[in-house]
Amino acid sequence: IDAGNQTEGHRFLAPGVFTISNADQYENELQSKAKVIPS
């Protein structure tokens, strides 16, 4: 797989692909946009 700037959200609550705008925003964007607590 080639690396990119996209990941996927919660399988049921926020399905689909979305873009992480900046490395510093990873945890915040997963929680606010993707219904995922990554830690």
PDB file of all heavy atoms in Angstrom:
ATOM      1  N   ILE A   1       0.839  -1.205   0.000  1.00  0.00           N
ATOM      2  CA  ILE A   1       0.000   0.000   0.000  1.00  0.00           C
ATOM      3  C   ILE A   1       0.872   1.252   0.000  1.00  0.00           C
ATOM      4  O   ILE A   1       1.841   1.346   0.759  1.00  0.00           O
ATOM      5  CB  ILE A   1      -0.910   0.026   1.251  1.00  0.00           C
ATOM      6  CG1 ILE A   1      -1.767  -1.239   1.315  1.00  0.00           C
ATOM      7  CG2 ILE A   1      -1.783   1.265   1.271  1.00  0.00           C
ATOM      8  CD1 ILE A   1      -2.454  -1.432   2.648  1.00  0.00           C
ATOM      9  N   ASP A   2       0.515   2.224  -0.838  1.00  0.00           N
ATOM     10  CA  ASP A   2       1.176   3.526  -0.813  1.00  0.00           C
ATOM     11  C   ASP A   2       0.527   4.395   0.256  1.00  0.00           C
ATOM     12  O   ASP A   2      -0.698   4.406   0.416  1.00  0.00           O
ATOM     13  CB  ASP A   2       1.052   4.231  -2.171  1.00  0.00           C
ATOM     14  CG  ASP A   2       1.839   3.507  -3.249  1.00  0.00           C
ATOM     15  OD1 ASP A   2       2.856   2.866  -2.910  1.00  0.00           O
ATOM     16  OD2 ASP A   2       1.425   3.571  -4.423  1.00  0.00           O
ATOM     17  N   ALA A   3       1.340   5.133   0.987  1.00  0.00           N
ATOM     18  CA  ALA A   3       0.812   5.981   2.055  1.00  0.00           C
ATOM     19  C   ALA A   3       0.058   7.176   1.492  1.00  0.00           C
ATOM     20  O   ALA A   3       0.359   7.667   0.394  1.00  0.00           O
ATOM     21  CB  ALA A   3       1.952   6.464   2.945  1.00  0.00           C
ATOM     22  N   GLY A   4      -0.918   7.657   2.256  1.00  0.00           N
ATOM     23  CA  GLY A   4      -1.677   8.842   1.882  1.00  0.00           C
ATOM     24  C   GLY A   4      -2.017   9.645   3.122  1.00  0.00           C
ATOM     25  O   GLY A   4      -1.361   9.506   4.161  1.00  0.00           O
ATOM     26  N   ASN A   5      -3.055  10.483   3.009  1.00  0.00           N
ATOM     27  CA  ASN A   5      -3.476  11.297   4.153  1.00  0.00           C
ATOM     28  C   ASN A   5      -4.915  10.978   4.573  1.00  0.00           C
ATOM     29  O   ASN A   5      -5.598  11.787   5.168  1.00  0.00           O
ATOM     30  CB  ASN A   5      -3.329  12.784   3.846  1.00  0.00           C
ATOM     31  CG  ASN A   5      -4.196  13.214   2.675  1.00  0.00           C
ATOM     32  OD1 ASN A   5      -4.815  12.376   2.008  1.00  0.00           O
ATOM     33  ND2 ASN A   5      -4.239  14.518   2.412  1.00  0.00           N
ATOM     34  N   GLN A   6      -5.373   9.767   4.216  1.00  0.00           N
ATOM     35  CA  GLN A   6      -6.755   9.403   4.529  1.00  0.00           C
ATOM     36  C   GLN A   6      -6.825   8.170   5.438  1.00  0.00           C
ATOM     37  O   GLN A   6      -5.941   7.307   5.412  1.00  0.00           O
ATOM     38  CB  GLN A   6      -7.532   9.116   3.236  1.00  0.00           C
ATOM     39  CG  GLN A   6      -7.734  10.359   2.372  1.00  0.00           C
ATOM     40  CD  GLN A   6      -8.570  10.045   1.144  1.00  0.00           C
ATOM     41  OE1 GLN A   6      -8.403   8.999   0.524  1.00  0.00           O
ATOM     42  NE2 GLN A   6      -9.479  10.941   0.800  1.00  0.00           N
ATOM     43  N   THR A   7      -7.875   8.120   6.218  1.00  0.00           N
ATOM     44  CA  THR A   7      -8.154   6.971   7.068  1.00  0.00           C
ATOM     45  C   THR A   7      -9.661   6.740   7.058  1.00  0.00           C
ATOM     46  O   THR A   7     -10.383   7.430   6.328  1.00  0.00           O
ATOM     47  CB  THR A   7      -7.637   7.183   8.499  1.00  0.00           C
ATOM     48  OG1 THR A   7      -7.800   5.960   9.230  1.00  0.00           O
ATOM     49  CG2 THR A   7      -8.375   8.306   9.216  1.00  0.00           C
ATOM     50  N   GLU A   8     -10.132   5.808   7.845  1.00  0.00           N
ATOM     51  CA  GLU A   8     -11.557   5.511   7.894  1.00  0.00           C
ATOM     52  C   GLU A   8     -12.080   5.639   9.315  1.00  0.00           C
ATOM     53  O   GLU A   8     -11.354   5.415  10.284  1.00  0.00           O
ATOM     54  CB  GLU A   8     -11.823   4.089   7.370  1.00  0.00           C
ATOM     55  CG  GLU A   8     -11.459   3.946   5.899  1.00  0.00           C
ATOM     56  CD  GLU A   8     -11.813   2.570   5.347  1.00  0.00           C
ATOM     57  OE1 GLU A   8     -12.787   1.974   5.835  1.00  0.00           O
ATOM     58  OE2 GLU A   8     -11.093   2.113   4.426  1.00  0.00           O
ATOM     59  N   GLY A   9     -13.356   6.007   9.419  1.00  0.00           N
ATOM     60  CA  GLY A   9     -13.971   6.212  10.712  1.00  0.00           C
ATOM     61  C   GLY A   9     -14.563   4.939  11.284  1.00  0.00           C
ATOM     62  O   GLY A   9     -14.300   3.829  10.807  1.00  0.00           O
ATOM     63  N   HIS A  10     -15.362   5.108  12.324  1.00  0.00           N
ATOM     64  CA  HIS A  10     -16.050   4.003  12.992  1.00  0.00           C
ATOM     65  C   HIS A  10     -16.855   3.198  11.974  1.00  0.00           C
ATOM     66  O   HIS A  10     -17.525   3.762  11.112  1.00  0.00           O
ATOM     67  CB  HIS A  10     -16.970   4.573  14.073  1.00  0.00           C
ATOM     68  CG  HIS A  10     -17.547   3.564  14.995  1.00  0.00           C
ATOM     69  ND1 HIS A  10     -18.552   2.699  14.632  1.00  0.00           N
ATOM     70  CD2 HIS A  10     -17.283   3.284  16.298  1.00  0.00           C
ATOM     71  CE1 HIS A  10     -18.874   1.937  15.660  1.00  0.00           C
ATOM     72  NE2 HIS A  10     -18.109   2.266  16.687  1.00  0.00           N
ATOM     73  N   ARG A  11     -16.775   1.874  12.095  1.00  0.00           N
ATOM     74  CA  ARG A  11     -17.400   1.010  11.094  1.00  0.00           C
ATOM     75  C   ARG A  11     -18.904   1.268  10.941  1.00  0.00           C
ATOM     76  O   ARG A  11     -19.453   1.178   9.838  1.00  0.00           O
ATOM     77  CB  ARG A  11     -17.159  -0.461  11.454  1.00  0.00           C
ATOM     78  CG  ARG A  11     -17.599  -1.423  10.367  1.00  0.00           C
ATOM     79  CD  ARG A  11     -17.436  -2.860  10.807  1.00  0.00           C
ATOM     80  NE  ARG A  11     -16.039  -3.276  10.833  1.00  0.00           N
ATOM     81  CZ  ARG A  11     -15.351  -3.689   9.766  1.00  0.00           C
ATOM     82  NH1 ARG A  11     -15.936  -3.684   8.572  1.00  0.00           N
ATOM     83  NH2 ARG A  11     -14.105  -4.081   9.878  1.00  0.00           N
ATOM     84  N   PHE A  12     -19.601   1.619  12.048  1.00  0.00           N
ATOM     85  CA  PHE A  12     -21.055   1.802  12.000  1.00  0.00           C
ATOM     86  C   PHE A  12     -21.487   3.251  12.203  1.00  0.00           C
ATOM     87  O   PHE A  12     -22.409   3.731  11.547  1.00  0.00           O
ATOM     88  CB  PHE A  12     -21.730   0.935  13.068  1.00  0.00           C
ATOM     89  CG  PHE A  12     -21.306  -0.499  13.019  1.00  0.00           C
ATOM     90  CD1 PHE A  12     -20.570  -1.048  14.052  1.00  0.00           C
ATOM     91  CD2 PHE A  12     -21.616  -1.295  11.928  1.00  0.00           C
ATOM     92  CE1 PHE A  12     -20.162  -2.374  14.005  1.00  0.00           C
ATOM     93  CE2 PHE A  12     -21.219  -2.618  11.872  1.00  0.00           C
ATOM     94  CZ  PHE A  12     -20.477  -3.159  12.915  1.00  0.00           C
ATOM     95  N   LEU A  13     -20.813   3.962  13.109  1.00  0.00           N
ATOM     96  CA  LEU A  13     -21.261   5.308  13.475  1.00  0.00           C
ATOM     97  C   LEU A  13     -20.748   6.388  12.530  1.00  0.00           C
ATOM     98  O   LEU A  13     -21.362   7.451  12.424  1.00  0.00           O
ATOM     99  CB  LEU A  13     -20.826   5.632  14.915  1.00  0.00           C
ATOM    100  CG  LEU A  13     -21.339   4.666  15.997  1.00  0.00           C
ATOM    101  CD1 LEU A  13     -20.802   5.078  17.357  1.00  0.00           C
ATOM    102  CD2 LEU A  13     -22.875   4.640  16.010  1.00  0.00           C
ATOM    103  N   ALA A  14     -19.623   6.140  11.856  1.00  0.00           N
ATOM    104  CA  ALA A  14     -19.074   7.140  10.925  1.00  0.00           C
ATOM    105  C   ALA A  14     -18.326   6.437   9.803  1.00  0.00           C
ATOM    106  O   ALA A  14     -17.130   6.643   9.614  1.00  0.00           O
ATOM    107  CB  ALA A  14     -18.142   8.094  11.674  1.00  0.00           C
ATOM    108  N   PRO A  15     -19.021   5.577   9.069  1.00  0.00           N
ATOM    109  CA  PRO A  15     -18.350   4.809   8.021  1.00  0.00           C
ATOM    110  C   PRO A  15     -17.867   5.713   6.893  1.00  0.00           C
ATOM    111  O   PRO A  15     -18.408   6.782   6.662  1.00  0.00           O
ATOM    112  CB  PRO A  15     -19.440   3.845   7.536  1.00  0.00           C
ATOM    113  CG  PRO A  15     -20.726   4.550   7.846  1.00  0.00           C
ATOM    114  CD  PRO A  15     -20.476   5.303   9.112  1.00  0.00           C
ATOM    115  N   GLY A  16     -16.845   5.245   6.211  1.00  0.00           N
ATOM    116  CA  GLY A  16     -16.347   6.012   5.066  1.00  0.00           C
ATOM    117  C   GLY A  16     -14.959   6.564   5.302  1.00  0.00           C
ATOM    118  O   GLY A  16     -14.412   6.517   6.403  1.00  0.00           O
ATOM    119  N   VAL A  17     -14.412   7.119   4.222  1.00  0.00           N
ATOM    120  CA  VAL A  17     -13.045   7.639   4.218  1.00  0.00           C
ATOM    121  C   VAL A  17     -13.064   9.134   4.487  1.00  0.00           C
ATOM    122  O   VAL A  17     -13.945   9.846   4.020  1.00  0.00           O
ATOM    123  CB  VAL A  17     -12.393   7.362   2.842  1.00  0.00           C
ATOM    124  CG1 VAL A  17     -10.989   7.948   2.784  1.00  0.00           C
ATOM    125  CG2 VAL A  17     -12.377   5.862   2.557  1.00  0.00           C
ATOM    126  N   PHE A  18     -12.101   9.611   5.258  1.00  0.00           N
ATOM    127  CA  PHE A  18     -11.970  11.063   5.418  1.00  0.00           C
ATOM    128  C   PHE A  18     -10.493  11.413   5.543  1.00  0.00           C
ATOM    129  O   PHE A  18      -9.640  10.563   5.830  1.00  0.00           O
ATOM    130  CB  PHE A  18     -12.781  11.566   6.619  1.00  0.00           C
ATOM    131  CG  PHE A  18     -12.189  11.230   7.955  1.00  0.00           C
ATOM    132  CD1 PHE A  18     -11.446  12.158   8.669  1.00  0.00           C
ATOM    133  CD2 PHE A  18     -12.390   9.977   8.514  1.00  0.00           C
ATOM    134  CE1 PHE A  18     -10.911  11.844   9.895  1.00  0.00           C
ATOM    135  CE2 PHE A  18     -11.858   9.658   9.738  1.00  0.00           C
ATOM    136  CZ  PHE A  18     -11.116  10.598  10.446  1.00  0.00           C
ATOM    137  N   THR A  19     -10.214  12.686   5.314  1.00  0.00           N
ATOM    138  CA  THR A  19      -8.835  13.174   5.240  1.00  0.00           C
ATOM    139  C   THR A  19      -8.394  13.767   6.568  1.00  0.00           C
ATOM    140  O   THR A  19      -9.135  14.513   7.210  1.00  0.00           O
ATOM    141  CB  THR A  19      -8.705  14.240   4.145  1.00  0.00           C
ATOM    142  OG1 THR A  19      -9.095  13.656   2.887  1.00  0.00           O
ATOM    143  CG2 THR A  19      -7.277  14.751   4.044  1.00  0.00           C
ATOM    144  N   ILE A  20      -7.162  13.439   6.972  1.00  0.00           N
ATOM    145  CA  ILE A  20      -6.535  14.066   8.136  1.00  0.00           C
ATOM    146  C   ILE A  20      -5.735  15.259   7.607  1.00  0.00           C
ATOM    147  O   ILE A  20      -4.825  15.095   6.792  1.00  0.00           O
ATOM    148  CB  ILE A  20      -5.603  13.086   8.875  1.00  0.00           C
ATOM    149  CG1 ILE A  20      -6.396  11.873   9.388  1.00  0.00           C
ATOM    150  CG2 ILE A  20      -4.896  13.778  10.027  1.00  0.00           C
ATOM    151  CD1 ILE A  20      -7.374  12.177  10.483  1.00  0.00           C
ATOM    152  N   SER A  21      -6.073  16.447   8.058  1.00  0.00           N
ATOM    153  CA  SER A  21      -5.470  17.655   7.494  1.00  0.00           C
ATOM    154  C   SER A  21      -4.033  17.874   7.941  1.00  0.00           C
ATOM    155  O   SER A  21      -3.216  18.420   7.197  1.00  0.00           O
ATOM    156  CB  SER A  21      -6.312  18.882   7.882  1.00  0.00           C
ATOM    157  OG  SER A  21      -6.408  18.987   9.301  1.00  0.00           O
ATOM    158  N   ASN A  22      -3.721  17.436   9.178  1.00  0.00           N
ATOM    159  CA  ASN A  22      -2.391  17.690   9.720  1.00  0.00           C
ATOM    160  C   ASN A  22      -2.095  16.623  10.774  1.00  0.00           C
ATOM    161  O   ASN A  22      -3.000  16.163  11.468  1.00  0.00           O
ATOM    162  CB  ASN A  22      -2.317  19.084  10.344  1.00  0.00           C
ATOM    163  CG  ASN A  22      -0.901  19.486  10.742  1.00  0.00           C
ATOM    164  OD1 ASN A  22      -0.357  18.949  11.697  1.00  0.00           O
ATOM    165  ND2 ASN A  22      -0.334  20.436  10.012  1.00  0.00           N
ATOM    166  N   ALA A  23      -0.842  16.260  10.887  1.00  0.00           N
ATOM    167  CA  ALA A  23      -0.469  15.222  11.846  1.00  0.00           C
ATOM    168  C   ALA A  23      -0.912  15.562  13.264  1.00  0.00           C
ATOM    169  O   ALA A  23      -1.295  14.680  14.037  1.00  0.00           O
ATOM    170  CB  ALA A  23       1.042  14.987  11.808  1.00  0.00           C
ATOM    171  N   ASP A  24      -0.871  16.844  13.617  1.00  0.00           N
ATOM    172  CA  ASP A  24      -1.252  17.256  14.972  1.00  0.00           C
ATOM    173  C   ASP A  24      -2.748  17.100  15.226  1.00  0.00           C
ATOM    174  O   ASP A  24      -3.185  17.066  16.377  1.00  0.00           O
ATOM    175  CB  ASP A  24      -0.855  18.717  15.220  1.00  0.00           C
ATOM    176  CG  ASP A  24       0.646  18.874  15.399  1.00  0.00           C
ATOM    177  OD1 ASP A  24       1.242  18.004  16.057  1.00  0.00           O
ATOM    178  OD2 ASP A  24       1.214  19.852  14.884  1.00  0.00           O
ATOM    179  N   GLN A  25      -3.554  17.029  14.172  1.00  0.00           N
ATOM    180  CA  GLN A  25      -5.007  16.976  14.318  1.00  0.00           C
ATOM    181  C   GLN A  25      -5.567  15.559  14.347  1.00  0.00           C
ATOM    182  O   GLN A  25      -6.780  15.367  14.432  1.00  0.00           O
ATOM    183  CB  GLN A  25      -5.660  17.750  13.159  1.00  0.00           C
ATOM    184  CG  GLN A  25      -5.321  19.228  13.128  1.00  0.00           C
ATOM    185  CD  GLN A  25      -5.750  19.908  14.431  1.00  0.00           C
ATOM    186  OE1 GLN A  25      -6.874  19.734  14.894  1.00  0.00           O
ATOM    187  NE2 GLN A  25      -4.836  20.681  15.019  1.00  0.00           N
ATOM    188  N   TYR A  26      -4.689  14.574  14.283  1.00  0.00           N
ATOM    189  CA  TYR A  26      -5.129  13.176  14.149  1.00  0.00           C
ATOM    190  C   TYR A  26      -6.130  12.761  15.231  1.00  0.00           C
ATOM    191  O   TYR A  26      -7.259  12.366  14.927  1.00  0.00           O
ATOM    192  CB  TYR A  26      -3.906  12.262  14.185  1.00  0.00           C
ATOM    193  CG  TYR A  26      -4.219  10.787  14.126  1.00  0.00           C
ATOM    194  CD1 TYR A  26      -4.675  10.191  12.961  1.00  0.00           C
ATOM    195  CD2 TYR A  26      -4.046   9.975  15.259  1.00  0.00           C
ATOM    196  CE1 TYR A  26      -4.954   8.830  12.907  1.00  0.00           C
ATOM    197  CE2 TYR A  26      -4.318   8.610  15.217  1.00  0.00           C
ATOM    198  CZ  TYR A  26      -4.769   8.045  14.043  1.00  0.00           C
ATOM    199  OH  TYR A  26      -5.051   6.706  13.997  1.00  0.00           O
ATOM    200  N   GLU A  27      -5.736  12.855  16.488  1.00  0.00           N
ATOM    201  CA  GLU A  27      -6.598  12.391  17.581  1.00  0.00           C
ATOM    202  C   GLU A  27      -7.892  13.196  17.640  1.00  0.00           C
ATOM    203  O   GLU A  27      -8.983  12.632  17.779  1.00  0.00           O
ATOM    204  CB  GLU A  27      -5.851  12.473  18.918  1.00  0.00           C
ATOM    205  CG  GLU A  27      -6.630  11.909  20.088  1.00  0.00           C
ATOM    206  CD  GLU A  27      -5.815  11.854  21.368  1.00  0.00           C
ATOM    207  OE1 GLU A  27      -4.753  12.507  21.440  1.00  0.00           O
ATOM    208  OE2 GLU A  27      -6.233  11.165  22.313  1.00  0.00           O
ATOM    209  N   ASN A  28      -7.759  14.508  17.496  1.00  0.00           N
ATOM    210  CA  ASN A  28      -8.932  15.377  17.582  1.00  0.00           C
ATOM    211  C   ASN A  28      -9.929  15.093  16.448  1.00  0.00           C
ATOM    212  O   ASN A  28     -11.143  15.003  16.681  1.00  0.00           O
ATOM    213  CB  ASN A  28      -8.488  16.841  17.552  1.00  0.00           C
ATOM    214  CG  ASN A  28      -9.665  17.793  17.609  1.00  0.00           C
ATOM    215  OD1 ASN A  28     -10.468  17.742  18.535  1.00  0.00           O
ATOM    216  ND2 ASN A  28      -9.764  18.667  16.608  1.00  0.00           N
ATOM    217  N   GLU A  29      -9.419  14.939  15.224  1.00  0.00           N
ATOM    218  CA  GLU A  29     -10.316  14.721  14.081  1.00  0.00           C
ATOM    219  C   GLU A  29     -10.956  13.334  14.106  1.00  0.00           C
ATOM    220  O   GLU A  29     -12.104  13.173  13.688  1.00  0.00           O
ATOM    221  CB  GLU A  29      -9.556  14.955  12.772  1.00  0.00           C
ATOM    222  CG  GLU A  29      -9.182  16.426  12.574  1.00  0.00           C
ATOM    223  CD  GLU A  29      -8.572  16.711  11.211  1.00  0.00           C
ATOM    224  OE1 GLU A  29      -8.317  15.746  10.456  1.00  0.00           O
ATOM    225  OE2 GLU A  29      -8.345  17.886  10.903  1.00  0.00           O
ATOM    226  N   LEU A  30     -10.227  12.341  14.609  1.00  0.00           N
ATOM    227  CA  LEU A  30     -10.831  11.017  14.722  1.00  0.00           C
ATOM    228  C   LEU A  30     -11.997  11.043  15.702  1.00  0.00           C
ATOM    229  O   LEU A  30     -13.033  10.421  15.478  1.00  0.00           O
ATOM    230  CB  LEU A  30      -9.789   9.988  15.180  1.00  0.00           C
ATOM    231  CG  LEU A  30      -8.951   9.304  14.090  1.00  0.00           C
ATOM    232  CD1 LEU A  30      -7.963   8.334  14.720  1.00  0.00           C
ATOM    233  CD2 LEU A  30      -9.832   8.559  13.100  1.00  0.00           C
ATOM    234  N   GLN A  31     -11.824  11.744  16.799  1.00  0.00           N
ATOM    235  CA  GLN A  31     -12.881  11.792  17.805  1.00  0.00           C
ATOM    236  C   GLN A  31     -14.073  12.632  17.347  1.00  0.00           C
ATOM    237  O   GLN A  31     -15.224  12.250  17.544  1.00  0.00           O
ATOM    238  CB  GLN A  31     -12.330  12.337  19.133  1.00  0.00           C
ATOM    239  CG  GLN A  31     -11.358  11.390  19.805  1.00  0.00           C
ATOM    240  CD  GLN A  31     -10.916  11.850  21.183  1.00  0.00           C
ATOM    241  OE1 GLN A  31     -10.037  11.262  21.775  1.00  0.00           O
ATOM    242  NE2 GLN A  31     -11.504  12.895  21.704  1.00  0.00           N
ATOM    243  N   SER A  32     -13.783  13.784  16.718  1.00  0.00           N
ATOM    244  CA  SER A  32     -14.870  14.697  16.349  1.00  0.00           C
ATOM    245  C   SER A  32     -15.569  14.302  15.048  1.00  0.00           C
ATOM    246  O   SER A  32     -16.777  14.495  14.896  1.00  0.00           O
ATOM    247  CB  SER A  32     -14.323  16.126  16.219  1.00  0.00           C
ATOM    248  OG  SER A  32     -13.319  16.191  15.212  1.00  0.00           O
ATOM    249  N   LYS A  33     -14.834  13.721  14.101  1.00  0.00           N
ATOM    250  CA  LYS A  33     -15.408  13.400  12.799  1.00  0.00           C
ATOM    251  C   LYS A  33     -15.713  11.917  12.603  1.00  0.00           C
ATOM    252  O   LYS A  33     -16.592  11.563  11.816  1.00  0.00           O
ATOM    253  CB  LYS A  33     -14.453  13.831  11.673  1.00  0.00           C
ATOM    254  CG  LYS A  33     -14.174  15.329  11.604  1.00  0.00           C
ATOM    255  CD  LYS A  33     -13.203  15.603  10.465  1.00  0.00           C
ATOM    256  CE  LYS A  33     -12.857  17.091  10.352  1.00  0.00           C
ATOM    257  NZ  LYS A  33     -11.882  17.322   9.259  1.00  0.00           N
ATOM    258  N   ALA A  34     -14.986  11.061  13.317  1.00  0.00           N
ATOM    259  CA  ALA A  34     -15.043   9.641  12.966  1.00  0.00           C
ATOM    260  C   ALA A  34     -15.563   8.739  14.074  1.00  0.00           C
ATOM    261  O   ALA A  34     -15.612   7.525  13.900  1.00  0.00           O
ATOM    262  CB  ALA A  34     -13.644   9.169  12.548  1.00  0.00           C
ATOM    263  N   LYS A  35     -15.948   9.316  15.226  1.00  0.00           N
ATOM    264  CA  LYS A  35     -16.458   8.513  16.344  1.00  0.00           C
ATOM    265  C   LYS A  35     -15.453   7.420  16.735  1.00  0.00           C
ATOM    266  O   LYS A  35     -15.796   6.250  16.913  1.00  0.00           O
ATOM    267  CB  LYS A  35     -17.802   7.868  15.978  1.00  0.00           C
ATOM    268  CG  LYS A  35     -18.950   8.863  15.846  1.00  0.00           C
ATOM    269  CD  LYS A  35     -19.368   9.405  17.205  1.00  0.00           C
ATOM    270  CE  LYS A  35     -20.604  10.277  17.094  1.00  0.00           C
ATOM    271  NZ  LYS A  35     -21.039  10.784  18.414  1.00  0.00           N
ATOM    272  N   VAL A  36     -14.197   7.816  16.853  1.00  0.00           N
ATOM    273  CA  VAL A  36     -13.130   6.894  17.242  1.00  0.00           C
ATOM    274  C   VAL A  36     -12.288   7.558  18.328  1.00  0.00           C
ATOM    275  O   VAL A  36     -11.852   8.701  18.169  1.00  0.00           O
ATOM    276  CB  VAL A  36     -12.222   6.526  16.042  1.00  0.00           C
ATOM    277  CG1 VAL A  36     -11.014   5.715  16.514  1.00  0.00           C
ATOM    278  CG2 VAL A  36     -13.002   5.763  14.996  1.00  0.00           C
ATOM    279  N   ILE A  37     -12.077   6.840  19.439  1.00  0.00           N
ATOM    280  CA  ILE A  37     -11.125   7.285  20.461  1.00  0.00           C
ATOM    281  C   ILE A  37      -9.854   6.483  20.201  1.00  0.00           C
ATOM    282  O   ILE A  37      -9.764   5.310  20.583  1.00  0.00           O
ATOM    283  CB  ILE A  37     -11.659   7.015  21.881  1.00  0.00           C
ATOM    284  CG1 ILE A  37     -12.986   7.731  22.101  1.00  0.00           C
ATOM    285  CG2 ILE A  37     -10.646   7.455  22.930  1.00  0.00           C
ATOM    286  CD1 ILE A  37     -13.653   7.397  23.430  1.00  0.00           C
ATOM    287  N   PRO A  38      -8.866   7.070  19.530  1.00  0.00           N
ATOM    288  CA  PRO A  38      -7.710   6.282  19.081  1.00  0.00           C
ATOM    289  C   PRO A  38      -6.764   5.839  20.194  1.00  0.00           C
ATOM    290  O   PRO A  38      -6.091   4.830  20.066  1.00  0.00           O
ATOM    291  CB  PRO A  38      -7.002   7.226  18.104  1.00  0.00           C
ATOM    292  CG  PRO A  38      -7.386   8.594  18.571  1.00  0.00           C
ATOM    293  CD  PRO A  38      -8.790   8.474  19.084  1.00  0.00           C
ATOM    294  N   SER A  39      -6.707   6.599  21.290  1.00  0.00           N
ATOM    295  CA  SER A  39      -5.789   6.259  22.372  1.00  0.00           C
ATOM    296  C   SER A  39      -6.320   5.069  23.166  1.00  0.00           C
ATOM    297  O   SER A  39      -7.409   5.122  23.732  1.00  0.00           O
ATOM    298  CB  SER A  39      -5.599   7.457  23.304  1.00  0.00           C
ATOM    299  OG  SER A  39      -4.949   7.057  24.497  1.00  0.00           O
TER     300      SER A  39
END
